[in-house]
Amino acid sequence: MAQRGEVTDIYTASMVQGLALVTFPAASTILTSSQHYGLSSTEYATMFVPQAAMAVGASLLGARLIRHFGIKRIYLIGLTANLVSMALLFLSQFAISNAPVAYGMLILATTNLGIGFGLTVPALNTFAAAFFPRKINSAVLILNALLGLGTVLAPVLVAVFIGLSIWSGLPLLVAVLLLGLLLFSLPLPLQTGTSEPEQGHKRPAALPSRFWIFAAFILLYGICETMNGNWASLYTQKLGATATVASLALTVFWGAVTAGRIIFAAIERWFPAYRTYKVLPFVVVLAFVALAFIPKGEISLGVITFGLAGLGCSALLPLTISFGQKELTAIASSVPGGMIAFYQVGYGIAAFSVGPLQQQAKLNLNTIFGATAILALAMSALSFVIAKHEEMYASGFGVRTSSNMIDRQTRRRKIS
């Protein structure tokens, strides 16, 4: 039975992780402003490459690291990496006069943020499931809703701090919260109640071919989400918005993501998850097409459209992981880490590629958002392939299909 302090700790950590994750995109107008860091679009985009790479590596290695060092230690390392990231972002403002040094500090900051995200988020989800074994779905839903709340608050807070002429108040605030979490977490047991056997000498289960369909979907999803999450503020600013209103666009996007997850979970009885999964990608397509044609000056329309994009993105990531665990039972424990890894690959592609496309290819953001609609359309097609099995599963046929698939794979391995 989890202690009250443990429950408070992990749910608070989820919200703070959300704050940390969106701090850099929320401060995009500061980072690219000639009055502050003066980063070009390519320099801004390149900052997120090490973040994505480290998050992929950490999420893939996380399970093995937990088996060797214990989940509490890995969780604390993740919090520490997040703290280092926020501290570097805060301190980098004092090196603005030396552009290479300031940019180097920003790169180190995003590198640590990737490590922190890749280690902390899987640990938090493991804690939530272990602390509430009879209410796993709702426990994980609340955890991710709080993480979403953090992503919503980050652009709001940075807008407030910009209004007070102290934009760096956000990374400082997040750093203080992370330090408090570390001190609060140290004396807590923070155990899952189960011990995973060492699997270093066991032959890993082969990845079924269906896994790559899930991987392709989640990679495309990562691109679509990051196009909104990392570029919404700059896009809205190019429409003519102030830095404060540009931050509002990002708030609306993440707010819709968070609200959508809760709404679609609440209506699942009347509107099954597999239908939600088929519909939402088309909402994303619609949002990207709209963003391609919004004329300059239509700031309100841009903000509303980012809200539509957030609604479309909302339930896709958690549903992909859930569907994958149900169908790919032979590798169910590896599905979350694998999905997060491919999500981060998509994140890295979208975070980096937009800068060069603007500077070298001379494409504007409207055109880039419109082109992304093609990727969202491909994601829509894959959603039907994935949801077909979930629909069968909901009707009582999916378990047999999945079991037969695993049995065939087992027989092949024995023969070989």
Protein backbone atom coordinates (compact mmCIF):
# COMPACT_ATOMS: atom_id res chain seq x y z
CA MET A 1 0.00 0.00 0.00
CA ALA A 2 1.46 3.32 -1.08
CA GLN A 3 2.05 6.02 1.48
CA ARG A 4 0.17 9.28 1.04
CA GLY A 5 3.48 11.07 0.64
CA GLU A 6 4.49 8.77 -2.23
CA VAL A 7 1.23 9.43 -4.08
CA THR A 8 1.58 13.20 -3.54
CA ASP A 9 5.17 13.03 -4.75
CA ILE A 10 4.58 11.26 -8.05
CA TYR A 11 1.52 13.29 -9.04
CA THR A 12 3.26 16.56 -8.20
CA ALA A 13 6.32 15.41 -10.13
CA SER A 14 4.15 14.73 -13.17
CA MET A 15 2.89 18.31 -13.27
CA VAL A 16 6.38 19.73 -12.72
CA GLN A 17 7.72 17.51 -15.52
CA GLY A 18 5.08 18.99 -17.80
CA LEU A 19 6.23 22.49 -16.83
CA ALA A 20 9.85 21.62 -17.55
CA LEU A 21 9.06 19.96 -20.87
CA VAL A 22 7.36 23.03 -22.36
CA THR A 23 9.58 25.70 -20.80
CA PHE A 24 11.81 25.95 -23.88
CA PRO A 25 9.00 26.16 -26.49
CA ALA A 26 7.14 28.58 -24.19
CA ALA A 27 10.21 30.83 -24.18
CA SER A 28 10.65 30.60 -27.97
CA THR A 29 9.86 34.28 -28.51
CA ILE A 30 12.63 35.20 -26.03
CA LEU A 31 15.13 32.76 -27.49
CA THR A 32 14.61 34.08 -31.04
CA SER A 33 14.28 37.76 -30.10
CA SER A 34 17.12 40.02 -31.24
CA GLN A 35 16.87 41.80 -27.89
CA HIS A 36 17.72 38.60 -26.03
CA TYR A 37 19.39 35.47 -27.49
CA GLY A 38 18.77 36.30 -31.15
CA LEU A 39 18.69 32.65 -32.28
CA SER A 40 17.91 31.95 -35.91
CA SER A 41 15.18 29.46 -36.79
CA THR A 42 17.83 26.81 -37.47
CA GLU A 43 19.65 27.48 -34.19
CA TYR A 44 16.38 27.33 -32.27
CA ALA A 45 15.42 24.08 -33.98
CA THR A 46 18.85 22.48 -33.43
CA MET A 47 18.49 22.96 -29.67
CA PHE A 48 15.91 20.16 -29.56
CA VAL A 49 17.98 17.52 -31.37
CA PRO A 50 20.00 16.46 -28.28
CA GLN A 51 16.81 16.55 -26.22
CA ALA A 52 15.11 14.09 -28.56
CA ALA A 53 18.22 11.88 -28.84
CA MET A 54 18.69 11.68 -25.07
CA ALA A 55 15.00 11.04 -24.46
CA VAL A 56 15.05 8.17 -26.98
CA GLY A 57 18.14 6.64 -25.39
CA ALA A 58 16.85 7.06 -21.84
CA SER A 59 13.43 5.59 -22.62
CA LEU A 60 14.97 2.56 -24.37
CA LEU A 61 17.49 1.93 -21.57
CA GLY A 62 15.17 2.84 -18.71
CA ALA A 63 13.85 -0.65 -17.98
CA ARG A 64 17.37 -2.13 -17.90
CA LEU A 65 18.66 0.70 -15.70
CA ILE A 66 15.78 0.20 -13.26
CA ARG A 67 16.58 -3.51 -12.98
CA HIS A 68 20.22 -2.73 -12.19
CA PHE A 69 19.90 0.36 -10.00
CA GLY A 70 16.32 0.40 -8.69
CA ILE A 71 13.40 2.54 -9.77
CA LYS A 72 13.78 5.13 -7.01
CA ARG A 73 17.38 5.89 -7.95
CA ILE A 74 16.53 6.24 -11.65
CA TYR A 75 13.59 8.48 -10.78
CA LEU A 76 15.83 10.72 -8.66
CA ILE A 77 18.43 10.87 -11.44
CA GLY A 78 15.66 11.95 -13.83
CA LEU A 79 14.56 14.73 -11.48
CA THR A 80 18.17 15.85 -11.09
CA ALA A 81 18.67 16.01 -14.86
CA ASN A 82 15.55 18.18 -15.14
CA LEU A 83 16.89 20.44 -12.38
CA VAL A 84 20.25 20.83 -14.16
CA SER A 85 18.38 21.72 -17.36
CA MET A 86 16.36 24.50 -15.74
CA ALA A 87 19.42 25.83 -13.91
CA LEU A 88 21.39 26.04 -17.16
CA LEU A 89 18.53 27.83 -18.93
CA PHE A 90 18.30 30.36 -16.09
CA LEU A 91 22.07 30.94 -15.97
CA SER A 92 22.41 31.23 -19.74
CA GLN A 93 20.84 34.72 -19.64
CA PHE A 94 24.02 36.00 -18.00
CA ALA A 95 26.08 34.81 -20.98
CA ILE A 96 24.00 36.42 -23.74
CA SER A 97 26.85 38.83 -24.55
CA ASN A 98 28.93 35.78 -25.50
CA ALA A 99 26.64 34.06 -28.02
CA PRO A 100 28.60 30.77 -28.41
CA VAL A 101 28.73 30.25 -24.64
CA ALA A 102 25.03 31.07 -24.19
CA TYR A 103 24.06 28.72 -27.01
CA GLY A 104 26.27 25.97 -25.62
CA MET A 105 24.51 26.29 -22.28
CA LEU A 106 21.13 26.02 -24.02
CA ILE A 107 22.26 22.84 -25.82
CA LEU A 108 23.41 21.32 -22.52
CA ALA A 109 20.11 22.35 -20.96
CA THR A 110 18.00 20.57 -23.61
CA THR A 111 20.31 17.54 -23.42
CA ASN A 112 19.62 17.22 -19.70
CA LEU A 113 15.90 17.80 -20.26
CA GLY A 114 15.84 14.85 -22.66
CA ILE A 115 17.53 12.62 -20.08
CA GLY A 116 15.15 13.82 -17.38
CA PHE A 117 12.06 13.23 -19.48
CA GLY A 118 13.22 9.81 -20.69
CA LEU A 119 13.91 8.56 -17.14
CA THR A 120 11.22 10.32 -15.12
CA VAL A 121 8.07 9.75 -17.18
CA PRO A 122 8.33 5.93 -17.44
CA ALA A 123 9.13 5.76 -13.71
CA LEU A 124 6.11 7.91 -12.85
CA ASN A 125 3.79 5.70 -14.92
CA THR A 126 5.23 2.59 -13.25
CA PHE A 127 4.66 4.10 -9.79
CA ALA A 128 1.06 5.07 -10.63
CA ALA A 129 0.20 1.57 -11.86
CA ALA A 130 1.86 -0.06 -8.84
CA PHE A 131 0.29 2.25 -6.26
CA PHE A 132 -3.24 1.71 -7.64
CA PRO A 133 -3.29 -1.84 -9.05
CA ARG A 134 -7.10 -1.98 -9.04
CA LYS A 135 -7.50 1.38 -10.77
CA ILE A 136 -4.58 1.42 -13.17
CA ASN A 137 -6.40 3.15 -16.03
CA SER A 138 -7.73 6.01 -13.94
CA ALA A 139 -4.45 6.34 -12.01
CA VAL A 140 -2.42 6.69 -15.20
CA LEU A 141 -5.05 8.98 -16.73
CA ILE A 142 -4.85 11.38 -13.78
CA LEU A 143 -1.05 11.25 -13.88
CA ASN A 144 -0.96 12.20 -17.56
CA ALA A 145 -3.67 14.82 -17.07
CA LEU A 146 -1.45 16.50 -14.47
CA LEU A 147 1.52 16.30 -16.82
CA GLY A 148 -0.74 17.97 -19.37
CA LEU A 149 -1.68 20.61 -16.82
CA GLY A 150 2.00 21.42 -16.47
CA THR A 151 2.33 21.87 -20.23
CA VAL A 152 -0.66 24.23 -20.11
CA LEU A 153 0.73 26.31 -17.25
CA ALA A 154 4.20 26.81 -18.75
CA PRO A 155 3.20 29.26 -21.52
CA VAL A 156 0.80 31.04 -19.14
CA LEU A 157 3.54 31.54 -16.57
CA VAL A 158 6.13 32.63 -19.13
CA ALA A 159 3.64 35.22 -20.44
CA VAL A 160 3.18 36.51 -16.88
CA PHE A 161 6.93 36.68 -16.29
CA ILE A 162 7.49 38.40 -19.66
CA GLY A 163 4.87 40.95 -18.62
CA LEU A 164 6.87 41.53 -15.45
CA SER A 165 10.09 41.79 -17.52
CA ILE A 166 11.58 38.73 -15.79
CA TRP A 167 11.05 35.92 -18.33
CA SER A 168 13.67 33.78 -16.55
CA GLY A 169 11.32 33.51 -13.58
CA LEU A 170 9.83 30.38 -15.18
CA PRO A 171 12.98 28.21 -15.31
CA LEU A 172 13.87 29.50 -11.84
CA LEU A 173 10.43 28.54 -10.51
CA VAL A 174 10.61 25.08 -12.08
CA ALA A 175 14.13 24.58 -10.70
CA VAL A 176 12.93 25.45 -7.18
CA LEU A 177 10.00 23.02 -7.54
CA LEU A 178 12.32 20.25 -8.74
CA LEU A 179 14.73 20.86 -5.85
CA GLY A 180 11.80 20.66 -3.44
CA LEU A 181 10.66 17.39 -5.05
CA LEU A 182 14.13 15.90 -4.71
CA LEU A 183 14.32 16.77 -1.02
CA PHE A 184 10.78 15.48 -0.46
CA SER A 185 11.46 12.23 -2.37
CA LEU A 186 14.71 11.22 -0.69
CA PRO A 187 13.21 9.80 2.55
CA LEU A 188 10.26 8.10 0.80
CA PRO A 189 10.38 4.33 0.05
CA LEU A 190 9.15 4.84 -3.56
CA GLN A 191 9.00 1.15 -4.41
CA THR A 192 6.63 -0.60 -6.78
CA GLY A 193 6.11 -3.60 -4.51
CA THR A 194 7.40 -6.03 -7.12
CA SER A 195 10.89 -7.01 -8.15
CA GLU A 196 11.57 -7.54 -11.81
CA PRO A 197 13.90 -10.48 -12.53
CA GLU A 198 17.22 -9.78 -14.14
CA GLN A 199 16.84 -10.48 -17.85
CA GLY A 200 20.32 -9.68 -19.03
CA HIS A 201 20.98 -13.28 -20.14
CA LYS A 202 17.56 -13.99 -21.61
CA ARG A 203 17.02 -13.80 -25.33
CA PRO A 204 14.72 -10.81 -25.95
CA ALA A 205 11.39 -11.50 -27.61
CA ALA A 206 11.39 -10.82 -31.35
CA LEU A 207 9.48 -7.74 -32.40
CA PRO A 208 6.29 -8.75 -34.24
CA SER A 209 5.74 -7.15 -37.64
CA ARG A 210 2.69 -5.33 -36.27
CA PHE A 211 4.95 -3.42 -33.88
CA TRP A 212 6.32 -1.41 -36.80
CA ILE A 213 2.83 -0.24 -37.73
CA PHE A 214 2.45 1.17 -34.23
CA ALA A 215 5.96 2.63 -34.44
CA ALA A 216 5.20 4.35 -37.77
CA PHE A 217 1.97 5.79 -36.39
CA ILE A 218 3.57 7.15 -33.24
CA LEU A 219 6.50 8.63 -35.18
CA LEU A 220 4.05 10.52 -37.40
CA TYR A 221 2.12 11.56 -34.31
CA GLY A 222 5.32 12.90 -32.73
CA ILE A 223 5.90 15.07 -35.80
CA CYS A 224 2.32 16.38 -35.80
CA GLU A 225 2.25 17.16 -32.08
CA THR A 226 5.66 18.84 -32.10
CA MET A 227 4.79 21.01 -35.10
CA ASN A 228 2.14 22.54 -32.85
CA GLY A 229 3.92 22.32 -29.51
CA ASN A 230 7.24 23.82 -30.63
CA TRP A 231 6.15 26.23 -33.36
CA ALA A 232 2.72 27.54 -32.28
CA SER A 233 4.12 30.63 -30.55
CA LEU A 234 6.37 31.63 -33.44
CA TYR A 235 3.60 30.96 -35.98
CA THR A 236 1.14 33.13 -34.06
CA GLN A 237 3.75 35.86 -33.68
CA LYS A 238 4.24 35.89 -37.46
CA LEU A 239 0.48 36.46 -37.76
CA GLY A 240 1.08 39.69 -35.85
CA ALA A 241 0.52 38.61 -32.25
CA THR A 242 2.44 39.98 -29.27
CA ALA A 243 4.67 37.64 -27.25
CA THR A 244 1.90 37.32 -24.64
CA VAL A 245 -0.76 36.34 -27.18
CA ALA A 246 1.71 33.98 -28.87
CA SER A 247 2.10 32.21 -25.53
CA LEU A 248 -1.69 31.99 -25.34
CA ALA A 249 -1.74 29.94 -28.56
CA LEU A 250 0.57 27.39 -26.98
CA THR A 251 -1.57 27.36 -23.83
CA VAL A 252 -4.70 26.71 -25.89
CA PHE A 253 -3.00 23.84 -27.74
CA TRP A 254 -1.82 22.04 -24.59
CA GLY A 255 -5.05 22.85 -22.80
CA ALA A 256 -7.02 21.13 -25.56
CA VAL A 257 -4.65 18.14 -25.41
CA THR A 258 -5.25 17.77 -21.67
CA ALA A 259 -9.00 18.36 -21.84
CA GLY A 260 -9.38 15.95 -24.75
CA ARG A 261 -7.72 13.11 -22.86
CA ILE A 262 -10.17 13.50 -20.02
CA ILE A 263 -13.21 13.96 -22.25
CA PHE A 264 -12.58 10.91 -24.43
CA ALA A 265 -11.89 8.76 -21.38
CA ALA A 266 -15.19 9.92 -19.85
CA ILE A 267 -17.29 9.15 -22.95
CA GLU A 268 -15.67 5.80 -23.78
CA ARG A 269 -18.81 3.92 -22.74
CA TRP A 270 -20.84 5.72 -25.42
CA PHE A 271 -18.07 6.38 -27.93
CA PRO A 272 -15.58 3.48 -27.96
CA ALA A 273 -11.86 4.17 -27.99
CA TYR A 274 -11.34 2.62 -31.43
CA ARG A 275 -13.77 5.14 -32.93
CA THR A 276 -12.00 8.01 -31.19
CA TYR A 277 -8.74 6.67 -32.63
CA LYS A 278 -10.13 6.74 -36.16
CA VAL A 279 -11.66 10.22 -35.90
CA LEU A 280 -8.96 12.27 -34.16
CA PRO A 281 -6.26 12.03 -36.89
CA PHE A 282 -8.69 13.63 -39.34
CA VAL A 283 -9.17 16.49 -36.87
CA VAL A 284 -5.39 16.97 -36.96
CA VAL A 285 -5.47 16.99 -40.78
CA LEU A 286 -8.19 19.64 -40.73
CA ALA A 287 -6.19 21.81 -38.32
CA PHE A 288 -3.03 21.66 -40.45
CA VAL A 289 -4.94 22.53 -43.62
CA ALA A 290 -6.53 25.50 -41.83
CA LEU A 291 -3.14 26.69 -40.53
CA ALA A 292 -1.81 26.67 -44.09
CA PHE A 293 -4.37 29.26 -45.20
CA ILE A 294 -4.79 31.61 -42.22
CA PRO A 295 -3.91 35.11 -43.46
CA LYS A 296 -1.71 37.50 -41.54
CA GLY A 297 -3.62 39.45 -38.92
CA GLU A 298 -6.15 36.68 -38.15
CA ILE A 299 -4.63 36.02 -34.75
CA SER A 300 -7.81 34.78 -33.04
CA LEU A 301 -8.42 32.27 -35.83
CA GLY A 302 -4.87 31.00 -35.42
CA VAL A 303 -5.30 30.50 -31.68
CA ILE A 304 -8.61 28.66 -32.18
CA THR A 305 -7.06 26.42 -34.81
CA PHE A 306 -4.27 25.41 -32.45
CA GLY A 307 -7.00 24.46 -29.99
CA LEU A 308 -8.51 22.22 -32.69
CA ALA A 309 -5.09 20.67 -33.31
CA GLY A 310 -4.72 19.99 -29.58
CA LEU A 311 -8.08 18.24 -29.46
CA GLY A 312 -7.05 16.09 -32.42
CA CYS A 313 -3.75 15.11 -30.78
CA SER A 314 -5.20 14.59 -27.30
CA ALA A 315 -5.94 10.87 -26.94
CA LEU A 316 -3.75 9.44 -29.69
CA LEU A 317 -0.53 8.83 -27.73
CA PRO A 318 -2.09 7.09 -24.67
CA LEU A 319 -4.45 5.06 -26.90
CA THR A 320 -1.58 3.89 -29.10
CA ILE A 321 0.30 2.63 -26.05
CA SER A 322 -2.84 1.00 -24.64
CA PHE A 323 -3.76 -0.70 -27.93
CA GLY A 324 -0.18 -1.88 -28.36
CA GLN A 325 -0.04 -3.47 -24.93
CA LYS A 326 -3.31 -5.31 -25.58
CA GLU A 327 -2.31 -6.62 -29.00
CA LEU A 328 1.43 -7.17 -28.66
CA THR A 329 1.19 -9.21 -25.49
CA ALA A 330 4.49 -11.04 -26.08
CA ILE A 331 6.37 -7.73 -25.68
CA ALA A 332 3.78 -5.82 -23.63
CA SER A 333 6.33 -4.59 -21.07
CA SER A 334 8.47 -3.10 -23.83
CA VAL A 335 5.65 -1.36 -25.68
CA PRO A 336 5.57 1.90 -23.64
CA GLY A 337 9.33 2.45 -23.89
CA GLY A 338 9.32 1.62 -27.60
CA MET A 339 6.42 3.96 -28.30
CA ILE A 340 7.99 6.82 -26.33
CA ALA A 341 11.25 6.28 -28.24
CA PHE A 342 9.57 6.57 -31.65
CA TYR A 343 7.51 9.50 -30.40
CA GLN A 344 10.76 11.26 -29.52
CA VAL A 345 12.19 10.48 -32.96
CA GLY A 346 9.17 12.27 -34.45
CA TYR A 347 9.68 15.07 -31.95
CA GLY A 348 13.28 15.48 -33.07
CA ILE A 349 12.36 15.54 -36.76
CA ALA A 350 9.72 18.26 -36.32
CA ALA A 351 11.72 20.27 -33.81
CA PHE A 352 14.80 20.43 -36.05
CA SER A 353 13.59 20.34 -39.66
CA VAL A 354 11.39 23.45 -39.60
CA GLY A 355 14.35 25.80 -39.07
CA PRO A 356 16.33 24.67 -42.16
CA LEU A 357 13.13 24.52 -44.21
CA GLN A 358 12.57 28.20 -43.42
CA GLN A 359 16.14 29.39 -43.87
CA GLN A 360 17.58 27.18 -46.58
CA ALA A 361 14.44 26.16 -48.51
CA LYS A 362 12.81 29.59 -47.95
CA LEU A 363 9.46 28.05 -46.95
CA ASN A 364 7.14 29.96 -44.63
CA LEU A 365 5.40 28.38 -41.67
CA ASN A 366 2.02 28.32 -43.44
CA THR A 367 3.48 26.14 -46.19
CA ILE A 368 5.25 23.85 -43.72
CA PHE A 369 2.08 23.37 -41.68
CA GLY A 370 0.16 22.61 -44.88
CA ALA A 371 2.74 20.02 -45.94
CA THR A 372 2.48 18.37 -42.52
CA ALA A 373 -1.19 17.71 -43.29
CA ILE A 374 0.04 15.01 -45.71
CA LEU A 375 1.82 13.24 -42.84
CA ALA A 376 -1.31 13.59 -40.70
CA LEU A 377 -3.30 11.99 -43.53
CA ALA A 378 -0.88 9.03 -43.56
CA MET A 379 -1.36 8.80 -39.79
CA SER A 380 -5.12 8.71 -40.37
CA ALA A 381 -4.75 5.72 -42.70
CA LEU A 382 -2.62 3.85 -40.16
CA SER A 383 -5.19 4.55 -37.44
CA PHE A 384 -7.69 2.31 -39.29
CA VAL A 385 -5.14 -0.51 -39.53
CA ILE A 386 -4.40 -0.31 -35.80
CA ALA A 387 -7.98 0.26 -34.64
CA LYS A 388 -9.26 -2.73 -36.62
CA HIS A 389 -7.66 -5.11 -34.12
CA GLU A 390 -8.91 -3.04 -31.18
CA GLU A 391 -12.43 -3.20 -32.59
CA MET A 392 -12.14 -6.99 -32.82
CA TYR A 393 -10.72 -7.04 -29.29
CA ALA A 394 -13.68 -5.03 -28.00
CA SER A 395 -15.99 -7.55 -29.68
CA GLY A 396 -14.25 -10.52 -28.04
CA PHE A 397 -12.24 -11.73 -31.04
CA GLY A 398 -9.01 -9.82 -30.54
CA VAL A 399 -7.64 -11.98 -27.73
CA ARG A 400 -7.80 -15.09 -29.87
CA THR A 401 -6.20 -13.35 -32.84
CA SER A 402 -3.36 -11.99 -30.71
CA SER A 403 -2.81 -15.35 -28.99
CA ASN A 404 -2.69 -17.20 -32.32
CA MET A 405 -0.12 -14.70 -33.61
CA ILE A 406 2.08 -15.22 -30.55
CA ASP A 407 1.72 -19.02 -30.78
CA ARG A 408 2.87 -18.98 -34.40
CA GLN A 409 5.87 -16.82 -33.50
CA THR A 410 6.76 -19.16 -30.62
CA ARG A 411 6.58 -22.21 -32.88
CA ARG A 412 8.84 -20.52 -35.45
CA ARG A 413 11.44 -19.72 -32.78
CA LYS A 414 11.38 -23.33 -31.50
CA ILE A 415 11.83 -24.69 -35.01
CA SER A 416 14.71 -22.29 -35.71
